[in-house]
C-alpha atoms as a PDB file:
ATOM      1  CA  MET A   1      96.230 148.046 125.370  1.00  0.00           C
ATOM      2  CA  LYS A   2      96.932 151.402 123.726  1.00  0.00           C
ATOM      3  CA  ILE A   3      94.159 152.508 121.338  1.00  0.00           C
ATOM      4  CA  TYR A   4      94.616 155.426 118.929  1.00  0.00           C
ATOM      5  CA  VAL A   5      91.538 157.493 118.052  1.00  0.00           C
ATOM      6  CA  ASP A   6      91.210 160.307 115.516  1.00  0.00           C
ATOM      7  CA  ILE A   7      89.019 163.140 116.776  1.00  0.00           C
ATOM      8  CA  ASP A   8      87.579 164.580 113.552  1.00  0.00           C
ATOM      9  CA  GLY A   9      84.895 162.341 112.121  1.00  0.00           C
ATOM     10  CA  THR A  10      85.353 159.777 114.883  1.00  0.00           C
ATOM     11  CA  ILE A  11      84.176 161.400 118.094  1.00  0.00           C
ATOM     12  CA  CYS A  12      82.753 164.540 116.489  1.00  0.00           C
ATOM     13  CA  ASN A  13      81.483 165.833 113.173  1.00  0.00           C
ATOM     14  CA  THR A  14      83.484 168.894 112.153  1.00  0.00           C
ATOM     15  CA  LEU A  15      82.749 171.021 109.114  1.00  0.00           C
ATOM     16  CA  LYS A  16      85.206 172.937 106.958  1.00  0.00           C
ATOM     17  CA  VAL A  17      84.399 176.607 106.369  1.00  0.00           C
ATOM     18  CA  ASP A  18      86.489 178.459 103.795  1.00  0.00           C
ATOM     19  CA  GLY A  19      88.994 175.601 103.820  1.00  0.00           C
ATOM     20  CA  LYS A  20      89.478 175.629 107.615  1.00  0.00           C
ATOM     21  CA  TRP A  21      88.018 173.345 110.278  1.00  0.00           C
ATOM     22  CA  ASP A  22      85.219 175.036 112.235  1.00  0.00           C
ATOM     23  CA  TYR A  23      85.635 173.428 115.667  1.00  0.00           C
ATOM     24  CA  LYS A  24      83.128 175.802 117.281  1.00  0.00           C
ATOM     25  CA  SER A  25      80.344 174.108 115.315  1.00  0.00           C
ATOM     26  CA  ALA A  26      81.560 170.538 115.940  1.00  0.00           C
ATOM     27  CA  ASN A  27      78.916 168.089 117.142  1.00  0.00           C
ATOM     28  CA  PRO A  28      79.735 165.035 119.281  1.00  0.00           C
ATOM     29  CA  ILE A  29      79.027 161.534 118.003  1.00  0.00           C
ATOM     30  CA  GLN A  30      77.773 160.156 121.319  1.00  0.00           C
ATOM     31  CA  ALA A  31      77.606 156.488 120.248  1.00  0.00           C
ATOM     32  CA  HIS A  32      81.316 156.582 119.348  1.00  0.00           C
ATOM     33  CA  ILE A  33      82.213 158.421 122.558  1.00  0.00           C
ATOM     34  CA  ASP A  34      80.350 155.798 124.590  1.00  0.00           C
ATOM     35  CA  LYS A  35      82.302 152.977 122.902  1.00  0.00           C
ATOM     36  CA  ILE A  36      85.622 154.722 123.529  1.00  0.00           C
ATOM     37  CA  ASN A  37      84.678 155.342 127.173  1.00  0.00           C
ATOM     38  CA  LYS A  38      83.864 151.635 127.622  1.00  0.00           C
ATOM     39  CA  LEU A  39      87.319 150.745 126.300  1.00  0.00           C
ATOM     40  CA  TYR A  40      88.878 153.266 128.683  1.00  0.00           C
ATOM     41  CA  TYR A  41      86.966 151.958 131.718  1.00  0.00           C
ATOM     42  CA  LYS A  42      88.135 148.436 130.862  1.00  0.00           C
ATOM     43  CA  GLY A  43      91.694 149.679 131.488  1.00  0.00           C
ATOM     44  CA  ASN A  44      92.817 150.593 127.975  1.00  0.00           C
ATOM     45  CA  GLU A  45      94.906 153.686 127.264  1.00  0.00           C
ATOM     46  CA  ILE A  46      93.173 156.023 124.821  1.00  0.00           C
ATOM     47  CA  VAL A  47      95.395 158.194 122.616  1.00  0.00           C
ATOM     48  CA  MET A  48      93.452 160.872 120.766  1.00  0.00           C
ATOM     49  CA  GLY A  49      94.901 162.802 117.872  1.00  0.00           C
ATOM     50  CA  VAL A  50      94.144 165.452 115.278  1.00  0.00           C
ATOM     51  CA  LEU A  51      95.810 165.760 111.905  1.00  0.00           C
ATOM     52  CA  CYS A  52      95.945 169.448 110.961  1.00  0.00           C
ATOM     53  CA  ASP A  53      98.007 170.843 108.099  1.00  0.00           C
ATOM     54  CA  SER A  54     100.437 167.883 108.179  1.00  0.00           C
ATOM     55  CA  PHE A  55     101.002 168.342 111.930  1.00  0.00           C
ATOM     56  CA  ILE A  56      99.788 165.693 114.349  1.00  0.00           C
ATOM     57  CA  THR A  57      98.669 166.658 117.840  1.00  0.00           C
ATOM     58  CA  VAL A  58      98.233 163.757 120.242  1.00  0.00           C
ATOM     59  CA  HIS A  59      96.480 163.754 123.631  1.00  0.00           C
ATOM     60  CA  HIS A  60      96.944 160.815 126.012  1.00  0.00           C
ATOM     61  CA  ARG A  61      94.288 159.610 128.415  1.00  0.00           C
ATOM     62  CA  SER A  62      95.025 156.692 130.696  1.00  0.00           C
ATOM     63  CA  GLN A  63      94.022 155.540 134.136  1.00  0.00           C
ATOM     64  CA  ASN A  64      97.634 155.062 135.222  1.00  0.00           C
END
């Protein structure tokens, strides 16, 4: 199964500073990361994405 995951607010808490995302100060949400890893290790494809300024960046992670 292919599972889509947003990065901001899902696997990390990211703050906006002066209207821009401050990724250097992002903190992981370990409980969410653990759940996503369990899905991955069960054979699912994880597709992670970020929505920035109306542009979507997608990163694929699969075991295949």
